[in-house]
């Protein structure tokens, strides 16, 4: 959609200070910029016109090895897997001063995902059918609407 409002959403660990959460978000945003600036029209549109950040509590993170060679998966790590599995383009940052733990994930979100007044959720009271409703949203938009619903601001 042309001129669609866009926001850059980010997930950060719960246990960092607010200023550190913002810094980690910024690091991941720069990685997103490195990967997509001038390549993806959506990012260029956001960069030129919107510049809105939404920083969310992504839970825990852990990338260190424990006995037996098993890597524990924090919720932030699992969220990254889910975003990748659903085709969402992300920028990530792994903090060297914290043992290279994943400390931020950022991704662009269009207004069909976050503006539920303009684009309400489907329910059985709506006139249109579920099939017609589903045609209004991409697979990624449907995923992000459900994925983002339980998150709280960091």
C-alpha atoms as a PDB file:
ATOM      1  CA  UNK A   1       0.000   0.000   0.000  1.00  0.00           C
ATOM      2  CA  UNK A   2       1.438   3.342  -0.997  1.00  0.00           C
ATOM      3  CA  UNK A   3       1.825   5.876   1.841  1.00  0.00           C
ATOM      4  CA  UNK A   4       1.081   3.198   4.412  1.00  0.00           C
ATOM      5  CA  UNK A   5       2.196   4.264   7.877  1.00  0.00           C
ATOM      6  CA  UNK A   6       5.155   2.174   9.015  1.00  0.00           C
ATOM      7  CA  UNK A   7       6.748   1.616  12.414  1.00  0.00           C
ATOM      8  CA  UNK A   8      10.003  -0.048  13.391  1.00  0.00           C
ATOM      9  CA  UNK A   9       9.236  -2.547  16.125  1.00  0.00           C
ATOM     10  CA  UNK A  10      11.938  -4.007  18.326  1.00  0.00           C
ATOM     11  CA  UNK A  11      12.241  -6.687  20.973  1.00  0.00           C
ATOM     12  CA  UNK A  12      14.816  -6.311  23.756  1.00  0.00           C
ATOM     13  CA  UNK A  13      15.591  -8.326  26.923  1.00  0.00           C
ATOM     14  CA  UNK A  14      13.583  -7.458  30.011  1.00  0.00           C
ATOM     15  CA  UNK A  15      16.604  -7.253  32.315  1.00  0.00           C
ATOM     16  CA  UNK A  16      18.499  -4.388  30.682  1.00  0.00           C
ATOM     17  CA  UNK A  17      18.096  -0.829  31.917  1.00  0.00           C
ATOM     18  CA  UNK A  18      15.798   1.354  29.810  1.00  0.00           C
ATOM     19  CA  UNK A  19      18.744   3.283  28.352  1.00  0.00           C
ATOM     20  CA  UNK A  20      20.517   0.026  27.463  1.00  0.00           C
ATOM     21  CA  UNK A  21      17.330  -1.308  25.852  1.00  0.00           C
ATOM     22  CA  UNK A  22      17.256   1.788  23.664  1.00  0.00           C
ATOM     23  CA  UNK A  23      20.941   1.454  22.798  1.00  0.00           C
ATOM     24  CA  UNK A  24      20.538  -2.224  21.857  1.00  0.00           C
ATOM     25  CA  UNK A  25      17.497  -1.319  19.718  1.00  0.00           C
ATOM     26  CA  UNK A  26      19.680   1.289  17.975  1.00  0.00           C
ATOM     27  CA  UNK A  27      22.408  -1.256  17.277  1.00  0.00           C
ATOM     28  CA  UNK A  28      19.879  -3.641  15.698  1.00  0.00           C
ATOM     29  CA  UNK A  29      18.321  -0.784  13.719  1.00  0.00           C
ATOM     30  CA  UNK A  30      21.731   0.006  12.253  1.00  0.00           C
ATOM     31  CA  UNK A  31      22.129  -3.655  11.254  1.00  0.00           C
ATOM     32  CA  UNK A  32      18.713  -3.470   9.574  1.00  0.00           C
ATOM     33  CA  UNK A  33      19.895  -0.295   7.825  1.00  0.00           C
ATOM     34  CA  UNK A  34      23.091  -2.042   6.687  1.00  0.00           C
ATOM     35  CA  UNK A  35      21.055  -4.880   5.190  1.00  0.00           C
ATOM     36  CA  UNK A  36      18.084  -3.066   3.658  1.00  0.00           C
ATOM     37  CA  UNK A  37      18.726   0.662   3.091  1.00  0.00           C
ATOM     38  CA  UNK A  38      18.085   1.437  -0.560  1.00  0.00           C
ATOM     39  CA  UNK A  39      17.220  -2.205  -1.205  1.00  0.00           C
ATOM     40  CA  UNK A  40      13.719  -2.451   0.224  1.00  0.00           C
ATOM     41  CA  UNK A  41      11.271   0.314  -0.691  1.00  0.00           C
ATOM     42  CA  UNK A  42       9.399  -0.185   2.587  1.00  0.00           C
ATOM     43  CA  UNK A  43      12.475   0.613   4.693  1.00  0.00           C
ATOM     44  CA  UNK A  44      13.305   3.669   2.589  1.00  0.00           C
ATOM     45  CA  UNK A  45       9.677   4.852   2.976  1.00  0.00           C
ATOM     46  CA  UNK A  46       9.884   4.405   6.772  1.00  0.00           C
ATOM     47  CA  UNK A  47      13.290   6.087   6.904  1.00  0.00           C
ATOM     48  CA  UNK A  48      12.108   9.139   4.970  1.00  0.00           C
ATOM     49  CA  UNK A  49       8.580   9.584   6.345  1.00  0.00           C
ATOM     50  CA  UNK A  50       7.831   7.841   9.635  1.00  0.00           C
ATOM     51  CA  UNK A  51      10.821   7.109  11.900  1.00  0.00           C
ATOM     52  CA  UNK A  52       8.583   5.771  14.690  1.00  0.00           C
ATOM     53  CA  UNK A  53      10.101   3.234  17.139  1.00  0.00           C
ATOM     54  CA  UNK A  54       8.122   0.754  19.227  1.00  0.00           C
ATOM     55  CA  UNK A  55      10.352  -0.963  21.817  1.00  0.00           C
ATOM     56  CA  UNK A  56       8.862  -4.096  23.365  1.00  0.00           C
ATOM     57  CA  UNK A  57       9.848  -6.445  26.175  1.00  0.00           C
ATOM     58  CA  UNK A  58      11.176  -9.585  24.439  1.00  0.00           C
ATOM     59  CA  UNK A  59      11.825 -11.538  27.634  1.00  0.00           C
ATOM     60  CA  UNK A  60      15.006 -13.501  28.223  1.00  0.00           C
ATOM     61  CA  UNK A  61      18.077 -14.224  26.118  1.00  0.00           C
ATOM     62  CA  UNK A  62      20.915 -16.711  26.387  1.00  0.00           C
ATOM     63  CA  UNK A  63      23.488 -17.806  23.838  1.00  0.00           C
ATOM     64  CA  UNK A  64      26.058 -19.394  26.136  1.00  0.00           C
ATOM     65  CA  UNK A  65      26.801 -23.101  26.147  1.00  0.00           C
ATOM     66  CA  UNK A  66      25.972 -25.179  29.194  1.00  0.00           C
ATOM     67  CA  UNK A  67      27.159 -28.645  30.116  1.00  0.00           C
ATOM     68  CA  UNK A  68      26.409 -31.238  27.479  1.00  0.00           C
ATOM     69  CA  UNK A  69      26.717 -28.710  24.645  1.00  0.00           C
ATOM     70  CA  UNK A  70      23.052 -27.684  24.786  1.00  0.00           C
ATOM     71  CA  UNK A  71      22.364 -24.042  24.047  1.00  0.00           C
ATOM     72  CA  UNK A  72      19.495 -22.711  26.146  1.00  0.00           C
ATOM     73  CA  UNK A  73      16.966 -20.733  24.149  1.00  0.00           C
ATOM     74  CA  UNK A  74      15.671 -17.597  25.792  1.00  0.00           C
ATOM     75  CA  UNK A  75      12.299 -16.183  24.735  1.00  0.00           C
ATOM     76  CA  UNK A  76      14.026 -13.482  22.665  1.00  0.00           C
ATOM     77  CA  UNK A  77      15.897 -16.203  20.755  1.00  0.00           C
ATOM     78  CA  UNK A  78      12.647 -18.103  20.204  1.00  0.00           C
ATOM     79  CA  UNK A  79      10.925 -14.938  18.968  1.00  0.00           C
ATOM     80  CA  UNK A  80      13.716 -14.498  16.407  1.00  0.00           C
ATOM     81  CA  UNK A  81      13.201 -18.080  15.212  1.00  0.00           C
ATOM     82  CA  UNK A  82       9.471 -17.416  14.851  1.00  0.00           C
ATOM     83  CA  UNK A  83      10.039 -14.210  12.877  1.00  0.00           C
ATOM     84  CA  UNK A  84      12.502 -15.966  10.547  1.00  0.00           C
ATOM     85  CA  UNK A  85      10.154 -18.951  10.124  1.00  0.00           C
ATOM     86  CA  UNK A  86       7.412 -16.568   8.985  1.00  0.00           C
ATOM     87  CA  UNK A  87       9.504 -14.654   6.463  1.00  0.00           C
ATOM     88  CA  UNK A  88       9.871 -11.421   8.435  1.00  0.00           C
ATOM     89  CA  UNK A  89      12.982  -9.392   7.559  1.00  0.00           C
ATOM     90  CA  UNK A  90      14.848  -8.486  10.739  1.00  0.00           C
ATOM     91  CA  UNK A  91      17.891  -6.680  12.008  1.00  0.00           C
ATOM     92  CA  UNK A  92      19.576  -8.230  15.046  1.00  0.00           C
ATOM     93  CA  UNK A  93      22.298  -7.324  17.480  1.00  0.00           C
ATOM     94  CA  UNK A  94      24.446  -9.603  19.627  1.00  0.00           C
ATOM     95  CA  UNK A  95      26.191  -7.655  22.417  1.00  0.00           C
ATOM     96  CA  UNK A  96      29.915  -8.499  22.709  1.00  0.00           C
ATOM     97  CA  UNK A  97      30.040  -7.128  26.280  1.00  0.00           C
ATOM     98  CA  UNK A  98      27.317  -9.588  27.329  1.00  0.00           C
ATOM     99  CA  UNK A  99      28.890 -12.750  25.963  1.00  0.00           C
ATOM    100  CA  UNK A 100      27.478 -12.179  22.465  1.00  0.00           C
ATOM    101  CA  UNK A 101      23.923 -12.653  23.661  1.00  0.00           C
ATOM    102  CA  UNK A 102      21.088 -11.601  21.366  1.00  0.00           C
ATOM    103  CA  UNK A 103      20.036  -8.217  22.767  1.00  0.00           C
ATOM    104  CA  UNK A 104      17.738  -6.774  20.101  1.00  0.00           C
ATOM    105  CA  UNK A 105      15.601  -7.687  17.118  1.00  0.00           C
ATOM    106  CA  UNK A 106      13.985  -5.030  14.904  1.00  0.00           C
ATOM    107  CA  UNK A 107      11.495  -5.347  12.043  1.00  0.00           C
ATOM    108  CA  UNK A 108       9.161  -3.096  10.059  1.00  0.00           C
ATOM    109  CA  UNK A 109       5.437  -3.252  10.694  1.00  0.00           C
ATOM    110  CA  UNK A 110       2.765  -1.725   8.467  1.00  0.00           C
ATOM    111  CA  UNK A 111      -0.440  -0.091   9.633  1.00  0.00           C
ATOM    112  CA  UNK A 112      -2.575  -3.104   8.704  1.00  0.00           C
ATOM    113  CA  UNK A 113      -0.878  -4.824  11.627  1.00  0.00           C
ATOM    114  CA  UNK A 114      -1.005  -2.136  14.334  1.00  0.00           C
ATOM    115  CA  UNK A 115      -3.988   0.055  13.361  1.00  0.00           C
ATOM    116  CA  UNK A 116      -6.867  -2.104  14.526  1.00  0.00           C
ATOM    117  CA  UNK A 117      -9.328   0.780  14.335  1.00  0.00           C
ATOM    118  CA  UNK A 118      -8.802   1.191  10.608  1.00  0.00           C
ATOM    119  CA  UNK A 119      -8.243  -2.573  10.101  1.00  0.00           C
ATOM    120  CA  UNK A 120     -10.280  -4.369  12.786  1.00  0.00           C
ATOM    121  CA  UNK A 121      -9.862  -8.025  13.646  1.00  0.00           C
ATOM    122  CA  UNK A 122     -12.349 -10.367  12.026  1.00  0.00           C
ATOM    123  CA  UNK A 123     -15.151 -11.679  14.194  1.00  0.00           C
ATOM    124  CA  UNK A 124     -18.369 -13.537  13.564  1.00  0.00           C
ATOM    125  CA  UNK A 125     -20.417 -10.300  13.727  1.00  0.00           C
ATOM    126  CA  UNK A 126     -18.704  -8.839  10.665  1.00  0.00           C
ATOM    127  CA  UNK A 127     -20.640  -8.772   7.412  1.00  0.00           C
ATOM    128  CA  UNK A 128     -17.757  -9.951   5.242  1.00  0.00           C
ATOM    129  CA  UNK A 129     -16.792 -13.592   5.221  1.00  0.00           C
ATOM    130  CA  UNK A 130     -13.606 -14.944   6.795  1.00  0.00           C
ATOM    131  CA  UNK A 131     -12.322 -15.664   3.262  1.00  0.00           C
ATOM    132  CA  UNK A 132     -12.867 -12.054   2.122  1.00  0.00           C
ATOM    133  CA  UNK A 133     -11.288 -10.769   5.339  1.00  0.00           C
ATOM    134  CA  UNK A 134      -8.207 -12.955   4.827  1.00  0.00           C
ATOM    135  CA  UNK A 135      -7.766 -11.531   1.311  1.00  0.00           C
ATOM    136  CA  UNK A 136      -7.186  -8.060   2.833  1.00  0.00           C
ATOM    137  CA  UNK A 137      -4.064  -9.183   4.717  1.00  0.00           C
ATOM    138  CA  UNK A 138      -0.862 -10.883   3.631  1.00  0.00           C
ATOM    139  CA  UNK A 139       0.318 -14.015   5.406  1.00  0.00           C
ATOM    140  CA  UNK A 140       3.027 -11.930   7.118  1.00  0.00           C
ATOM    141  CA  UNK A 141       0.487  -9.318   8.295  1.00  0.00           C
ATOM    142  CA  UNK A 142      -1.744 -12.011   9.793  1.00  0.00           C
ATOM    143  CA  UNK A 143       1.270 -13.546  11.529  1.00  0.00           C
ATOM    144  CA  UNK A 144       2.472 -10.186  12.924  1.00  0.00           C
ATOM    145  CA  UNK A 145      -1.004  -9.244  14.203  1.00  0.00           C
ATOM    146  CA  UNK A 146      -1.087 -12.433  16.260  1.00  0.00           C
ATOM    147  CA  UNK A 147       2.627 -12.421  17.144  1.00  0.00           C
ATOM    148  CA  UNK A 148       2.647  -8.858  18.530  1.00  0.00           C
ATOM    149  CA  UNK A 149      -0.598  -9.071  20.474  1.00  0.00           C
ATOM    150  CA  UNK A 150       0.838 -10.333  23.826  1.00  0.00           C
ATOM    151  CA  UNK A 151       3.866  -8.003  23.982  1.00  0.00           C
ATOM    152  CA  UNK A 152       4.174  -5.061  26.377  1.00  0.00           C
ATOM    153  CA  UNK A 153       6.329  -1.934  26.072  1.00  0.00           C
ATOM    154  CA  UNK A 154       9.868  -2.331  27.420  1.00  0.00           C
END
